[in-house]
Amino acid sequence: MAPTPFWTVAYTEAGSTEVAVAVLGACDREDAVRRALDVLGVGVTVVWVEPRHDTAVAA
């Protein structure tokens, strides 16, 4: 399977109990985390990262 160019990243901001989701272009999981921290800024904690699938995935 070819690597996915997009990753779903769940994150939270410092002091918040809410979790938000972003979709970022990245070459792998570590790159997705790095890009999320670069884009979203200081005080953000990445809590979950998963490849974004082109086809539906059963829950």
N, C-alpha and C. Protein backbone atom coordinates (compact mmCIF):
# COMPACT_ATOMS: atom_id res chain seq x y z
N MET A 1 0.84 -1.17 0.00
CA MET A 1 0.00 0.00 0.00
C MET A 1 0.89 1.24 0.00
N ALA A 2 0.57 2.21 -0.84
CA ALA A 2 1.34 3.45 -0.92
C ALA A 2 1.07 4.32 0.31
N PRO A 3 2.07 5.07 0.74
CA PRO A 3 1.86 5.94 1.90
C PRO A 3 0.77 6.98 1.62
N THR A 4 0.03 7.32 2.63
CA THR A 4 -1.01 8.34 2.47
C THR A 4 -0.40 9.73 2.56
N PRO A 5 -0.84 10.66 1.73
CA PRO A 5 -0.31 12.01 1.81
C PRO A 5 -1.01 12.88 2.86
N PHE A 6 -2.11 12.38 3.42
CA PHE A 6 -2.87 13.16 4.39
C PHE A 6 -3.02 12.40 5.70
N TRP A 7 -2.98 13.15 6.80
CA TRP A 7 -3.09 12.56 8.13
C TRP A 7 -4.10 13.35 8.95
N THR A 8 -4.93 12.62 9.71
CA THR A 8 -5.88 13.25 10.63
C THR A 8 -5.18 13.38 11.96
N VAL A 9 -5.16 14.60 12.50
CA VAL A 9 -4.46 14.87 13.75
C VAL A 9 -5.45 15.47 14.74
N ALA A 10 -5.62 14.82 15.88
CA ALA A 10 -6.44 15.37 16.96
C ALA A 10 -5.51 16.07 17.94
N TYR A 11 -5.92 17.24 18.39
CA TYR A 11 -5.06 18.02 19.27
C TYR A 11 -5.89 18.79 20.28
N THR A 12 -5.23 19.24 21.33
CA THR A 12 -5.88 20.08 22.33
C THR A 12 -4.96 21.24 22.66
N GLU A 13 -5.55 22.34 23.04
CA GLU A 13 -4.78 23.51 23.42
C GLU A 13 -4.58 23.51 24.93
N ALA A 14 -3.51 24.14 25.38
CA ALA A 14 -3.19 24.19 26.81
C ALA A 14 -4.37 24.75 27.59
N GLY A 15 -4.73 24.07 28.67
CA GLY A 15 -5.81 24.52 29.54
C GLY A 15 -7.20 24.19 29.05
N SER A 16 -7.31 23.56 27.89
CA SER A 16 -8.62 23.23 27.33
C SER A 16 -8.93 21.76 27.54
N THR A 17 -10.22 21.46 27.67
CA THR A 17 -10.65 20.06 27.74
C THR A 17 -11.24 19.61 26.41
N GLU A 18 -11.30 20.51 25.43
CA GLU A 18 -11.84 20.18 24.12
C GLU A 18 -10.75 19.68 23.19
N VAL A 19 -11.12 18.76 22.32
CA VAL A 19 -10.20 18.23 21.33
C VAL A 19 -10.70 18.65 19.95
N ALA A 20 -9.78 19.14 19.13
CA ALA A 20 -10.10 19.53 17.76
C ALA A 20 -9.37 18.62 16.80
N VAL A 21 -9.77 18.63 15.55
CA VAL A 21 -9.17 17.76 14.54
C VAL A 21 -8.72 18.59 13.35
N ALA A 22 -7.56 18.26 12.81
CA ALA A 22 -7.04 18.90 11.60
C ALA A 22 -6.58 17.80 10.64
N VAL A 23 -6.66 18.08 9.35
CA VAL A 23 -6.13 17.17 8.34
C VAL A 23 -4.94 17.88 7.71
N LEU A 24 -3.78 17.22 7.77
CA LEU A 24 -2.54 17.81 7.28
C LEU A 24 -1.88 16.91 6.26
N GLY A 25 -1.18 17.52 5.32
CA GLY A 25 -0.36 16.76 4.39
C GLY A 25 0.97 16.44 5.06
N ALA A 26 1.37 15.18 5.02
CA ALA A 26 2.64 14.76 5.64
C ALA A 26 3.07 13.44 5.03
N CYS A 27 4.37 13.13 5.15
CA CYS A 27 4.88 11.90 4.55
C CYS A 27 4.78 10.69 5.49
N ASP A 28 4.71 10.92 6.81
CA ASP A 28 4.55 9.83 7.76
C ASP A 28 4.02 10.38 9.09
N ARG A 29 3.80 9.50 10.06
CA ARG A 29 3.21 9.89 11.34
C ARG A 29 4.04 10.95 12.06
N GLU A 30 5.35 10.77 12.11
CA GLU A 30 6.22 11.73 12.81
C GLU A 30 6.17 13.09 12.12
N ASP A 31 6.15 13.07 10.79
CA ASP A 31 6.05 14.32 10.04
C ASP A 31 4.72 15.01 10.31
N ALA A 32 3.64 14.23 10.42
CA ALA A 32 2.32 14.80 10.72
C ALA A 32 2.32 15.49 12.08
N VAL A 33 2.94 14.86 13.07
CA VAL A 33 3.01 15.47 14.41
C VAL A 33 3.84 16.75 14.35
N ARG A 34 4.98 16.70 13.69
CA ARG A 34 5.84 17.88 13.58
C ARG A 34 5.13 19.03 12.88
N ARG A 35 4.46 18.72 11.78
CA ARG A 35 3.75 19.77 11.04
C ARG A 35 2.59 20.33 11.85
N ALA A 36 1.89 19.48 12.58
CA ALA A 36 0.79 19.96 13.43
C ALA A 36 1.31 20.95 14.46
N LEU A 37 2.41 20.62 15.10
CA LEU A 37 2.98 21.51 16.11
C LEU A 37 3.48 22.80 15.47
N ASP A 38 4.05 22.71 14.27
CA ASP A 38 4.52 23.91 13.56
C ASP A 38 3.35 24.82 13.18
N VAL A 39 2.29 24.23 12.65
CA VAL A 39 1.15 25.01 12.15
C VAL A 39 0.27 25.53 13.28
N LEU A 40 0.00 24.68 14.26
CA LEU A 40 -0.97 25.04 15.31
C LEU A 40 -0.37 25.87 16.42
N GLY A 41 0.93 25.81 16.59
CA GLY A 41 1.60 26.72 17.51
C GLY A 41 1.90 26.18 18.90
N VAL A 42 2.47 27.07 19.69
CA VAL A 42 2.89 26.75 21.05
C VAL A 42 1.67 26.47 21.92
N GLY A 43 1.79 25.51 22.82
CA GLY A 43 0.71 25.20 23.74
C GLY A 43 -0.25 24.14 23.24
N VAL A 44 0.03 23.60 22.06
CA VAL A 44 -0.82 22.56 21.49
C VAL A 44 -0.22 21.20 21.80
N THR A 45 -1.06 20.26 22.19
CA THR A 45 -0.63 18.89 22.43
C THR A 45 -1.34 17.98 21.44
N VAL A 46 -0.58 17.22 20.67
CA VAL A 46 -1.16 16.25 19.74
C VAL A 46 -1.53 15.01 20.54
N VAL A 47 -2.80 14.60 20.44
CA VAL A 47 -3.27 13.46 21.23
C VAL A 47 -3.56 12.21 20.40
N TRP A 48 -3.62 12.36 19.07
CA TRP A 48 -3.96 11.21 18.23
C TRP A 48 -3.62 11.53 16.79
N VAL A 49 -3.03 10.56 16.07
CA VAL A 49 -2.68 10.74 14.66
C VAL A 49 -3.04 9.45 13.91
N GLU A 50 -3.69 9.61 12.77
CA GLU A 50 -4.08 8.45 11.98
C GLU A 50 -4.03 8.81 10.50
N PRO A 51 -3.62 7.87 9.65
CA PRO A 51 -3.64 8.14 8.21
C PRO A 51 -5.07 8.40 7.75
N ARG A 52 -5.24 9.34 6.86
CA ARG A 52 -6.57 9.61 6.30
C ARG A 52 -6.76 8.68 5.11
N HIS A 53 -7.87 7.95 5.11
CA HIS A 53 -8.13 6.96 4.07
C HIS A 53 -9.01 7.54 2.98
N ASP A 54 -8.72 7.16 1.74
CA ASP A 54 -9.53 7.62 0.62
C ASP A 54 -10.88 6.91 0.56
N THR A 55 -10.94 5.72 1.13
CA THR A 55 -12.18 4.96 1.12
C THR A 55 -12.73 4.89 2.54
N ALA A 56 -13.99 4.61 2.65
CA ALA A 56 -14.62 4.53 3.97
C ALA A 56 -14.02 3.38 4.77
N VAL A 57 -13.85 3.62 6.05
CA VAL A 57 -13.30 2.61 6.95
C VAL A 57 -14.34 2.32 8.03
N ALA A 58 -14.63 1.05 8.26
CA ALA A 58 -15.61 0.70 9.28
C ALA A 58 -15.09 1.07 10.65
N ALA A 59 -15.97 1.58 11.47
CA ALA A 59 -15.60 1.99 12.82
C ALA A 59 -15.50 0.80 13.75
